[in-house]
């Protein structure tokens, strides 16, 4: 089975050079997505009518026990002629 779904991830806003951000290729989009764990970073609101409630500040992603700021899954079939 061909693995046409490329999982990429990085530690800062801009991708690194060349293949630096490539993680691995997978047989399906869902298989690639299953490798990503979403980590919510929240804070507790201390003032106003929502005091005591949690607010989502940002998300990070864990892949292969490493944290990343972003990820993307690319279907390589969109880029090659089969």
C-alpha atoms as a PDB file:
ATOM      1  CA  UNK A   1       0.000   0.000   0.000  1.00  0.00           C
ATOM      2  CA  UNK A   2       1.287   3.439  -0.913  1.00  0.00           C
ATOM      3  CA  UNK A   3       1.765   6.051   1.794  1.00  0.00           C
ATOM      4  CA  UNK A   4       0.705   9.352   0.241  1.00  0.00           C
ATOM      5  CA  UNK A   5      -0.161  11.349   3.379  1.00  0.00           C
ATOM      6  CA  UNK A   6       2.807  13.353   4.685  1.00  0.00           C
ATOM      7  CA  UNK A   7       2.680  14.523   8.300  1.00  0.00           C
ATOM      8  CA  UNK A   8       4.691  17.687   8.913  1.00  0.00           C
ATOM      9  CA  UNK A   9       5.150  19.597  12.177  1.00  0.00           C
ATOM     10  CA  UNK A  10       7.249  22.456  13.494  1.00  0.00           C
ATOM     11  CA  UNK A  11       8.305  24.346  16.589  1.00  0.00           C
ATOM     12  CA  UNK A  12       7.824  27.860  15.307  1.00  0.00           C
ATOM     13  CA  UNK A  13       5.567  29.683  12.882  1.00  0.00           C
ATOM     14  CA  UNK A  14       7.710  29.219   9.793  1.00  0.00           C
ATOM     15  CA  UNK A  15       8.716  25.797   8.462  1.00  0.00           C
ATOM     16  CA  UNK A  16      12.369  24.805   8.609  1.00  0.00           C
ATOM     17  CA  UNK A  17      14.487  24.359   5.472  1.00  0.00           C
ATOM     18  CA  UNK A  18      14.179  21.354   3.174  1.00  0.00           C
ATOM     19  CA  UNK A  19      12.662  18.277   4.778  1.00  0.00           C
ATOM     20  CA  UNK A  20      13.338  19.447   8.352  1.00  0.00           C
ATOM     21  CA  UNK A  21       9.646  19.376   9.360  1.00  0.00           C
ATOM     22  CA  UNK A  22       8.751  16.022   7.807  1.00  0.00           C
ATOM     23  CA  UNK A  23       7.619  13.444  10.367  1.00  0.00           C
ATOM     24  CA  UNK A  24       6.524  10.427   8.298  1.00  0.00           C
ATOM     25  CA  UNK A  25       4.133   9.267   5.572  1.00  0.00           C
ATOM     26  CA  UNK A  26       0.958   7.278   6.147  1.00  0.00           C
ATOM     27  CA  UNK A  27      -1.585   5.297   4.151  1.00  0.00           C
ATOM     28  CA  UNK A  28      -4.518   7.599   4.976  1.00  0.00           C
ATOM     29  CA  UNK A  29      -5.307  11.042   6.325  1.00  0.00           C
ATOM     30  CA  UNK A  30      -6.938   9.478   9.391  1.00  0.00           C
ATOM     31  CA  UNK A  31      -3.865   7.355  10.121  1.00  0.00           C
ATOM     32  CA  UNK A  32      -1.639  10.454  10.001  1.00  0.00           C
ATOM     33  CA  UNK A  33      -4.070  12.427  12.171  1.00  0.00           C
ATOM     34  CA  UNK A  34      -4.141   9.606  14.737  1.00  0.00           C
ATOM     35  CA  UNK A  35      -0.435  10.274  15.432  1.00  0.00           C
ATOM     36  CA  UNK A  36      -1.245  13.819  16.642  1.00  0.00           C
ATOM     37  CA  UNK A  37      -2.387  14.560  20.207  1.00  0.00           C
ATOM     38  CA  UNK A  38      -3.876  18.011  20.807  1.00  0.00           C
ATOM     39  CA  UNK A  39      -2.832  19.743  24.022  1.00  0.00           C
ATOM     40  CA  UNK A  40      -5.057  22.595  25.211  1.00  0.00           C
ATOM     41  CA  UNK A  41      -3.363  25.391  27.153  1.00  0.00           C
ATOM     42  CA  UNK A  42      -5.916  27.172  29.341  1.00  0.00           C
ATOM     43  CA  UNK A  43      -6.034  29.860  31.967  1.00  0.00           C
ATOM     44  CA  UNK A  44      -8.583  30.640  34.664  1.00  0.00           C
ATOM     45  CA  UNK A  45     -10.402  33.950  34.191  1.00  0.00           C
ATOM     46  CA  UNK A  46      -9.950  36.101  37.312  1.00  0.00           C
ATOM     47  CA  UNK A  47     -12.293  39.051  36.622  1.00  0.00           C
ATOM     48  CA  UNK A  48     -15.704  39.811  35.212  1.00  0.00           C
ATOM     49  CA  UNK A  49     -18.820  37.710  34.751  1.00  0.00           C
ATOM     50  CA  UNK A  50     -16.773  34.687  33.604  1.00  0.00           C
ATOM     51  CA  UNK A  51     -14.554  34.698  36.705  1.00  0.00           C
ATOM     52  CA  UNK A  52     -13.472  31.168  37.630  1.00  0.00           C
ATOM     53  CA  UNK A  53     -14.112  29.754  34.162  1.00  0.00           C
ATOM     54  CA  UNK A  54     -11.349  28.371  31.984  1.00  0.00           C
ATOM     55  CA  UNK A  55     -10.385  30.057  28.731  1.00  0.00           C
ATOM     56  CA  UNK A  56      -8.462  28.349  25.937  1.00  0.00           C
ATOM     57  CA  UNK A  57      -5.286  30.345  25.275  1.00  0.00           C
ATOM     58  CA  UNK A  58      -3.718  28.192  22.541  1.00  0.00           C
ATOM     59  CA  UNK A  59      -3.138  24.627  21.426  1.00  0.00           C
ATOM     60  CA  UNK A  60       0.052  22.676  20.874  1.00  0.00           C
ATOM     61  CA  UNK A  61       0.504  19.223  19.406  1.00  0.00           C
ATOM     62  CA  UNK A  62       2.376  16.123  20.530  1.00  0.00           C
ATOM     63  CA  UNK A  63       3.739  13.692  17.948  1.00  0.00           C
ATOM     64  CA  UNK A  64       6.106  10.861  18.874  1.00  0.00           C
ATOM     65  CA  UNK A  65       6.574  12.298  22.395  1.00  0.00           C
ATOM     66  CA  UNK A  66       7.708  15.686  21.071  1.00  0.00           C
ATOM     67  CA  UNK A  67       5.747  18.954  21.314  1.00  0.00           C
ATOM     68  CA  UNK A  68       5.082  21.121  18.257  1.00  0.00           C
ATOM     69  CA  UNK A  69       3.432  24.481  17.615  1.00  0.00           C
ATOM     70  CA  UNK A  70       1.799  23.429  14.350  1.00  0.00           C
ATOM     71  CA  UNK A  71       1.193  20.437  12.117  1.00  0.00           C
ATOM     72  CA  UNK A  72      -0.088  19.791   8.633  1.00  0.00           C
ATOM     73  CA  UNK A  73      -1.055  16.690   6.678  1.00  0.00           C
ATOM     74  CA  UNK A  74      -0.414  16.883   2.944  1.00  0.00           C
ATOM     75  CA  UNK A  75      -1.945  14.532   0.406  1.00  0.00           C
ATOM     76  CA  UNK A  76       1.012  13.962  -1.914  1.00  0.00           C
ATOM     77  CA  UNK A  77      -1.343  12.671  -4.611  1.00  0.00           C
ATOM     78  CA  UNK A  78      -2.329  16.313  -5.149  1.00  0.00           C
ATOM     79  CA  UNK A  79       1.296  17.032  -6.162  1.00  0.00           C
ATOM     80  CA  UNK A  80       2.221  14.026  -8.286  1.00  0.00           C
ATOM     81  CA  UNK A  81       0.850  12.453 -11.430  1.00  0.00           C
ATOM     82  CA  UNK A  82      -0.123   8.841 -10.855  1.00  0.00           C
END
